Amino acid sequence: MSTRTVPSARPSADPAPLEVLSRGSWPAVDDPAGADDPAAGPPKLPGFVVSSFSPLAAEAAHRCLRAHHGEAPVPAERGDRTAVVVVSRLGDFATDRAVGAAVTAGRPVQPLLFFQSVPNAVVGHVATAWGLRGPVVCFSPEGDQERAALDYARLLFEDGEADEALLILVELFVDEESGTGPGTATALLVREGTA
């Protein structure tokens, strides 16, 4: 699995249409029973502490992939050609704050925080569970996250690097009292559409 951190994608003059195969989010958009409690945050994710950034990304990705594929893993021929793109304007600033506070106070920093401070660390969890072995990209766009993610997926398809892309858009909320809140995440599984 290759990993690159890149600037925002530049759309082509005549963008190719993309087909959205499935979508998942946390909290769920269609959750009339209110099963997702924004105050409690997403389900915990083993190996990730302090921040809800990675649990948000993972839960949205799992929901999206389950909506299209059912249970993991995806068929090998599709997993080999499925890219994962993580998009966030602010990244995991809760982990950054926790590391900064520990360093400022002269306390040891939890080893797990070094691992999860890389925004696409959670992609390894998702990719392993679902058998995704395409390129991994993480970037912070200016403007509309979803449009930037779709534009980047088009570039991957045009370059022949992937046939499908799992786009994970994740943002933490800023709470003035506590510093952060759970946030939201949306994942889309896309491929090239037909004109």
C-alpha atoms as a PDB file:
ATOM      1  CA  MET A   1       0.000   0.000   0.000  1.00  0.00           C
ATOM      2  CA  SER A   2       1.597   3.316  -1.013  1.00  0.00           C
ATOM      3  CA  THR A   3       1.072   6.444   1.067  1.00  0.00           C
ATOM      4  CA  ARG A   4       1.318  10.031  -0.121  1.00  0.00           C
ATOM      5  CA  THR A   5       0.411  13.364   1.393  1.00  0.00           C
ATOM      6  CA  VAL A   6      -0.552  15.779  -1.372  1.00  0.00           C
ATOM      7  CA  PRO A   7      -2.026  19.240  -1.828  1.00  0.00           C
ATOM      8  CA  SER A   8      -5.618  19.717  -2.949  1.00  0.00           C
ATOM      9  CA  ALA A   9      -6.434  18.130  -6.300  1.00  0.00           C
ATOM     10  CA  ARG A  10      -6.949  20.333  -9.335  1.00  0.00           C
ATOM     11  CA  PRO A  11     -10.060  19.339 -11.306  1.00  0.00           C
ATOM     12  CA  SER A  12      -9.791  18.861 -15.048  1.00  0.00           C
ATOM     13  CA  ALA A  13     -11.602  21.278 -17.353  1.00  0.00           C
ATOM     14  CA  ASP A  14     -14.232  18.668 -18.223  1.00  0.00           C
ATOM     15  CA  PRO A  15     -14.490  16.365 -15.172  1.00  0.00           C
ATOM     16  CA  ALA A  16     -15.541  12.793 -15.769  1.00  0.00           C
ATOM     17  CA  PRO A  17     -18.772  11.802 -14.034  1.00  0.00           C
ATOM     18  CA  LEU A  18     -18.431   9.608 -10.961  1.00  0.00           C
ATOM     19  CA  GLU A  19     -20.879   7.033  -9.679  1.00  0.00           C
ATOM     20  CA  VAL A  20     -21.457   6.935  -5.920  1.00  0.00           C
ATOM     21  CA  LEU A  21     -21.808   3.237  -5.070  1.00  0.00           C
ATOM     22  CA  SER A  22     -22.562   3.788  -1.395  1.00  0.00           C
ATOM     23  CA  ARG A  23     -22.346   6.307   1.396  1.00  0.00           C
ATOM     24  CA  GLY A  24     -21.972   5.992   5.162  1.00  0.00           C
ATOM     25  CA  SER A  25     -21.714   8.541   7.921  1.00  0.00           C
ATOM     26  CA  TRP A  26     -21.408   9.062  11.635  1.00  0.00           C
ATOM     27  CA  PRO A  27     -23.709  10.172  12.988  1.00  0.00           C
ATOM     28  CA  ALA A  28     -26.013   8.531  10.475  1.00  0.00           C
ATOM     29  CA  VAL A  29     -28.033  10.908   8.318  1.00  0.00           C
ATOM     30  CA  ASP A  30     -30.983   8.511   8.253  1.00  0.00           C
ATOM     31  CA  ASP A  31     -31.117   7.697  11.975  1.00  0.00           C
ATOM     32  CA  PRO A  32     -34.728   8.404  13.032  1.00  0.00           C
ATOM     33  CA  ALA A  33     -34.322   6.333  16.210  1.00  0.00           C
ATOM     34  CA  GLY A  34     -31.333   8.425  17.245  1.00  0.00           C
ATOM     35  CA  ALA A  35     -29.039   5.410  17.764  1.00  0.00           C
ATOM     36  CA  ASP A  36     -25.946   7.550  17.144  1.00  0.00           C
ATOM     37  CA  ASP A  37     -25.406   9.777  20.171  1.00  0.00           C
ATOM     38  CA  PRO A  38     -23.269  12.764  19.155  1.00  0.00           C
ATOM     39  CA  ALA A  39     -22.551  13.543  22.808  1.00  0.00           C
ATOM     40  CA  ALA A  40     -21.146  10.036  23.400  1.00  0.00           C
ATOM     41  CA  GLY A  41     -19.185   9.965  20.155  1.00  0.00           C
ATOM     42  CA  PRO A  42     -18.610   7.083  17.754  1.00  0.00           C
ATOM     43  CA  PRO A  43     -17.856   3.521  18.888  1.00  0.00           C
ATOM     44  CA  LYS A  44     -14.389   3.139  20.423  1.00  0.00           C
ATOM     45  CA  LEU A  45     -11.639   1.867  18.148  1.00  0.00           C
ATOM     46  CA  PRO A  46      -8.971  -0.333  19.777  1.00  0.00           C
ATOM     47  CA  GLY A  47      -5.512   1.218  19.594  1.00  0.00           C
ATOM     48  CA  PHE A  48      -6.756   4.792  19.215  1.00  0.00           C
ATOM     49  CA  VAL A  49      -7.038   6.988  22.308  1.00  0.00           C
ATOM     50  CA  VAL A  50      -7.888  10.566  23.360  1.00  0.00           C
ATOM     51  CA  SER A  51      -9.377  11.679  20.030  1.00  0.00           C
ATOM     52  CA  SER A  52     -12.515  10.673  18.133  1.00  0.00           C
ATOM     53  CA  PHE A  53     -10.902  11.455  14.741  1.00  0.00           C
ATOM     54  CA  SER A  54      -9.917   7.869  13.886  1.00  0.00           C
ATOM     55  CA  PRO A  55     -13.058   6.228  15.348  1.00  0.00           C
ATOM     56  CA  LEU A  56     -15.186   8.656  13.299  1.00  0.00           C
ATOM     57  CA  ALA A  57     -13.299   7.857  10.095  1.00  0.00           C
ATOM     58  CA  ALA A  58     -13.398   4.108  10.708  1.00  0.00           C
ATOM     59  CA  GLU A  59     -17.108   3.982  11.558  1.00  0.00           C
ATOM     60  CA  ALA A  60     -18.109   6.009   8.475  1.00  0.00           C
ATOM     61  CA  ALA A  61     -15.862   3.844   6.266  1.00  0.00           C
ATOM     62  CA  HIS A  62     -17.225   0.572   7.686  1.00  0.00           C
ATOM     63  CA  ARG A  63     -20.828   1.759   7.211  1.00  0.00           C
ATOM     64  CA  CYS A  64     -20.122   2.798   3.632  1.00  0.00           C
ATOM     65  CA  LEU A  65     -18.389  -0.455   2.714  1.00  0.00           C
ATOM     66  CA  ARG A  66     -21.042  -2.608   4.433  1.00  0.00           C
ATOM     67  CA  ALA A  67     -23.768  -0.763   2.485  1.00  0.00           C
ATOM     68  CA  HIS A  68     -22.176  -1.848  -0.795  1.00  0.00           C
ATOM     69  CA  HIS A  69     -20.281  -5.073  -0.069  1.00  0.00           C
ATOM     70  CA  GLY A  70     -22.097  -6.548   2.915  1.00  0.00           C
ATOM     71  CA  GLU A  71     -19.433  -8.182   5.092  1.00  0.00           C
ATOM     72  CA  ALA A  72     -15.655  -7.798   4.863  1.00  0.00           C
ATOM     73  CA  PRO A  73     -13.478  -8.385   2.983  1.00  0.00           C
ATOM     74  CA  VAL A  74     -14.243  -7.076  -0.485  1.00  0.00           C
ATOM     75  CA  PRO A  75     -13.441  -9.407  -3.404  1.00  0.00           C
ATOM     76  CA  ALA A  76      -9.653  -9.415  -3.921  1.00  0.00           C
ATOM     77  CA  GLU A  77      -9.798  -8.128  -7.496  1.00  0.00           C
ATOM     78  CA  ARG A  78     -11.729  -5.059  -6.285  1.00  0.00           C
ATOM     79  CA  GLY A  79      -9.709  -4.524  -3.111  1.00  0.00           C
ATOM     80  CA  ASP A  80      -6.478  -4.455  -5.120  1.00  0.00           C
ATOM     81  CA  ARG A  81      -7.839  -1.535  -7.174  1.00  0.00           C
ATOM     82  CA  THR A  82      -9.600   0.456  -4.426  1.00  0.00           C
ATOM     83  CA  ALA A  83      -7.866   3.619  -3.257  1.00  0.00           C
ATOM     84  CA  VAL A  84      -8.520   5.251   0.109  1.00  0.00           C
ATOM     85  CA  VAL A  85      -8.582   9.053   0.315  1.00  0.00           C
ATOM     86  CA  VAL A  86      -8.791  10.780   3.724  1.00  0.00           C
ATOM     87  CA  VAL A  87      -9.842  14.424   3.600  1.00  0.00           C
ATOM     88  CA  SER A  88      -9.900  16.810   6.572  1.00  0.00           C
ATOM     89  CA  ARG A  89      -9.482  20.549   6.818  1.00  0.00           C
ATOM     90  CA  LEU A  90      -8.116  20.520  10.372  1.00  0.00           C
ATOM     91  CA  GLY A  91      -6.935  16.930  10.806  1.00  0.00           C
ATOM     92  CA  ASP A  92      -6.705  15.291  14.193  1.00  0.00           C
ATOM     93  CA  PHE A  93      -6.133  18.394  16.271  1.00  0.00           C
ATOM     94  CA  ALA A  94      -7.311  16.619  19.448  1.00  0.00           C
ATOM     95  CA  THR A  95      -4.278  14.320  19.293  1.00  0.00           C
ATOM     96  CA  ASP A  96      -2.053  17.308  18.493  1.00  0.00           C
ATOM     97  CA  ARG A  97      -3.385  19.125  21.571  1.00  0.00           C
ATOM     98  CA  ALA A  98      -2.885  16.067  23.802  1.00  0.00           C
ATOM     99  CA  VAL A  99       0.732  15.688  22.676  1.00  0.00           C
ATOM    100  CA  GLY A 100       1.362  19.410  23.084  1.00  0.00           C
ATOM    101  CA  ALA A 101      -0.150  19.474  26.576  1.00  0.00           C
ATOM    102  CA  ALA A 102       1.987  16.513  27.702  1.00  0.00           C
ATOM    103  CA  VAL A 103       5.174  18.038  26.327  1.00  0.00           C
ATOM    104  CA  THR A 104       4.409  21.436  27.873  1.00  0.00           C
ATOM    105  CA  ALA A 105       3.730  19.825  31.253  1.00  0.00           C
ATOM    106  CA  GLY A 106       6.893  17.712  31.047  1.00  0.00           C
ATOM    107  CA  ARG A 107       4.914  14.443  31.112  1.00  0.00           C
ATOM    108  CA  PRO A 108       5.688  11.404  28.952  1.00  0.00           C
ATOM    109  CA  VAL A 109       3.591  11.196  25.806  1.00  0.00           C
ATOM    110  CA  GLN A 110       1.479   8.056  25.366  1.00  0.00           C
ATOM    111  CA  PRO A 111       3.147   5.921  22.651  1.00  0.00           C
ATOM    112  CA  LEU A 112      -0.190   5.384  20.879  1.00  0.00           C
ATOM    113  CA  LEU A 113      -0.415   9.125  20.253  1.00  0.00           C
ATOM    114  CA  PHE A 114       2.641   9.025  17.990  1.00  0.00           C
ATOM    115  CA  PHE A 115       1.029   6.314  15.844  1.00  0.00           C
ATOM    116  CA  GLN A 116      -2.347   8.015  15.586  1.00  0.00           C
ATOM    117  CA  SER A 117      -0.912  11.498  15.002  1.00  0.00           C
ATOM    118  CA  VAL A 118      -0.568  10.533  11.318  1.00  0.00           C
ATOM    119  CA  PRO A 119      -4.046  11.298   9.911  1.00  0.00           C
ATOM    120  CA  ASN A 120      -4.143   8.239   7.698  1.00  0.00           C
ATOM    121  CA  ALA A 121      -3.101   5.784  10.458  1.00  0.00           C
ATOM    122  CA  VAL A 122      -6.746   4.716  10.694  1.00  0.00           C
ATOM    123  CA  VAL A 123      -6.658   3.752   7.020  1.00  0.00           C
ATOM    124  CA  GLY A 124      -4.481   0.762   7.937  1.00  0.00           C
ATOM    125  CA  HIS A 125      -7.244  -0.493  10.212  1.00  0.00           C
ATOM    126  CA  VAL A 126      -9.942  -0.069   7.538  1.00  0.00           C
ATOM    127  CA  ALA A 127      -7.768  -1.385   4.681  1.00  0.00           C
ATOM    128  CA  THR A 128      -6.778  -4.502   6.618  1.00  0.00           C
ATOM    129  CA  ALA A 129     -10.348  -5.291   7.655  1.00  0.00           C
ATOM    130  CA  TRP A 130     -11.724  -4.877   4.133  1.00  0.00           C
ATOM    131  CA  GLY A 131      -8.754  -6.003   2.003  1.00  0.00           C
ATOM    132  CA  LEU A 132      -8.185  -2.637   0.330  1.00  0.00           C
ATOM    133  CA  ARG A 133      -4.738  -2.500  -1.280  1.00  0.00           C
ATOM    134  CA  GLY A 134      -4.900   0.506  -3.583  1.00  0.00           C
ATOM    135  CA  PRO A 135      -3.153   3.860  -3.092  1.00  0.00           C
ATOM    136  CA  VAL A 136      -3.672   5.814   0.144  1.00  0.00           C
ATOM    137  CA  VAL A 137      -3.861   9.601   0.020  1.00  0.00           C
ATOM    138  CA  CYS A 138      -4.458  12.116   2.798  1.00  0.00           C
ATOM    139  CA  PHE A 139      -4.898  15.827   2.199  1.00  0.00           C
ATOM    140  CA  SER A 140      -6.370  19.008   3.594  1.00  0.00           C
ATOM    141  CA  PRO A 141      -8.342  20.942   0.986  1.00  0.00           C
ATOM    142  CA  GLU A 142      -9.393  24.528   0.751  1.00  0.00           C
ATOM    143  CA  GLY A 143     -13.118  24.892   0.248  1.00  0.00           C
ATOM    144  CA  ASP A 144     -15.600  22.066  -0.231  1.00  0.00           C
ATOM    145  CA  GLN A 145     -14.215  18.767   1.125  1.00  0.00           C
ATOM    146  CA  GLU A 146     -16.473  16.461  -0.856  1.00  0.00           C
ATOM    147  CA  ARG A 147     -15.784  18.196  -4.148  1.00  0.00           C
ATOM    148  CA  ALA A 148     -12.032  18.116  -3.479  1.00  0.00           C
ATOM    149  CA  ALA A 149     -12.203  14.403  -2.633  1.00  0.00           C
ATOM    150  CA  LEU A 150     -14.207  13.636  -5.789  1.00  0.00           C
ATOM    151  CA  ASP A 151     -11.737  15.652  -7.878  1.00  0.00           C
ATOM    152  CA  TYR A 152      -8.853  13.678  -6.407  1.00  0.00           C
ATOM    153  CA  ALA A 153     -10.621  10.377  -7.091  1.00  0.00           C
ATOM    154  CA  ARG A 154     -10.966  11.451 -10.731  1.00  0.00           C
ATOM    155  CA  LEU A 155      -7.201  12.000 -10.882  1.00  0.00           C
ATOM    156  CA  LEU A 156      -6.554   8.519  -9.495  1.00  0.00           C
ATOM    157  CA  PHE A 157      -8.913   7.020 -12.092  1.00  0.00           C
ATOM    158  CA  GLU A 158      -7.467   9.080 -14.961  1.00  0.00           C
ATOM    159  CA  ASP A 159      -3.932   7.992 -13.990  1.00  0.00           C
ATOM    160  CA  GLY A 160      -5.022   4.342 -13.905  1.00  0.00           C
ATOM    161  CA  GLU A 161      -4.059   3.975 -10.225  1.00  0.00           C
ATOM    162  CA  ALA A 162      -7.471   2.756  -9.062  1.00  0.00           C
ATOM    163  CA  ASP A 163     -10.878   1.644 -10.301  1.00  0.00           C
ATOM    164  CA  GLU A 164     -12.748   2.615  -7.130  1.00  0.00           C
ATOM    165  CA  ALA A 165     -12.026   4.992  -4.264  1.00  0.00           C
ATOM    166  CA  LEU A 166     -13.210   5.103  -0.682  1.00  0.00           C
ATOM    167  CA  LEU A 167     -13.383   8.789   0.225  1.00  0.00           C
ATOM    168  CA  ILE A 168     -13.406   9.542   3.968  1.00  0.00           C
ATOM    169  CA  LEU A 169     -14.255  13.116   4.973  1.00  0.00           C
ATOM    170  CA  VAL A 170     -13.760  13.718   8.691  1.00  0.00           C
ATOM    171  CA  GLU A 171     -13.842  16.768  10.961  1.00  0.00           C
ATOM    172  CA  LEU A 172     -13.762  17.162  14.718  1.00  0.00           C
ATOM    173  CA  PHE A 173     -16.007  19.748  16.355  1.00  0.00           C
ATOM    174  CA  VAL A 174     -14.458  22.517  18.386  1.00  0.00           C
ATOM    175  CA  ASP A 175     -16.068  22.946  21.789  1.00  0.00           C
ATOM    176  CA  GLU A 176     -14.973  26.132  23.549  1.00  0.00           C
ATOM    177  CA  GLU A 177     -15.035  24.525  27.010  1.00  0.00           C
ATOM    178  CA  SER A 178     -13.482  21.108  26.404  1.00  0.00           C
ATOM    179  CA  GLY A 179     -11.478  21.956  23.292  1.00  0.00           C
ATOM    180  CA  THR A 180     -13.025  19.288  21.052  1.00  0.00           C
ATOM    181  CA  GLY A 181     -16.179  17.323  20.501  1.00  0.00           C
ATOM    182  CA  PRO A 182     -16.891  14.116  18.605  1.00  0.00           C
ATOM    183  CA  GLY A 183     -17.327  15.625  15.149  1.00  0.00           C
ATOM    184  CA  THR A 184     -18.685  14.008  12.002  1.00  0.00           C
ATOM    185  CA  ALA A 185     -17.470  11.757   9.210  1.00  0.00           C
ATOM    186  CA  THR A 186     -18.833  10.764   5.834  1.00  0.00           C
ATOM    187  CA  ALA A 187     -17.479   8.087   3.530  1.00  0.00           C
ATOM    188  CA  LEU A 188     -18.315   7.559  -0.127  1.00  0.00           C
ATOM    189  CA  LEU A 189     -17.363   4.630  -2.335  1.00  0.00           C
ATOM    190  CA  VAL A 190     -17.058   5.912  -5.903  1.00  0.00           C
ATOM    191  CA  ARG A 191     -16.006   4.768  -9.350  1.00  0.00           C
ATOM    192  CA  GLU A 192     -15.984   6.278 -12.805  1.00  0.00           C
ATOM    193  CA  GLY A 193     -19.460   6.719 -14.166  1.00  0.00           C
ATOM    194  CA  THR A 194     -20.704   6.744 -17.710  1.00  0.00           C
ATOM    195  CA  ALA A 195     -21.296   9.963 -19.593  1.00  0.00           C
END
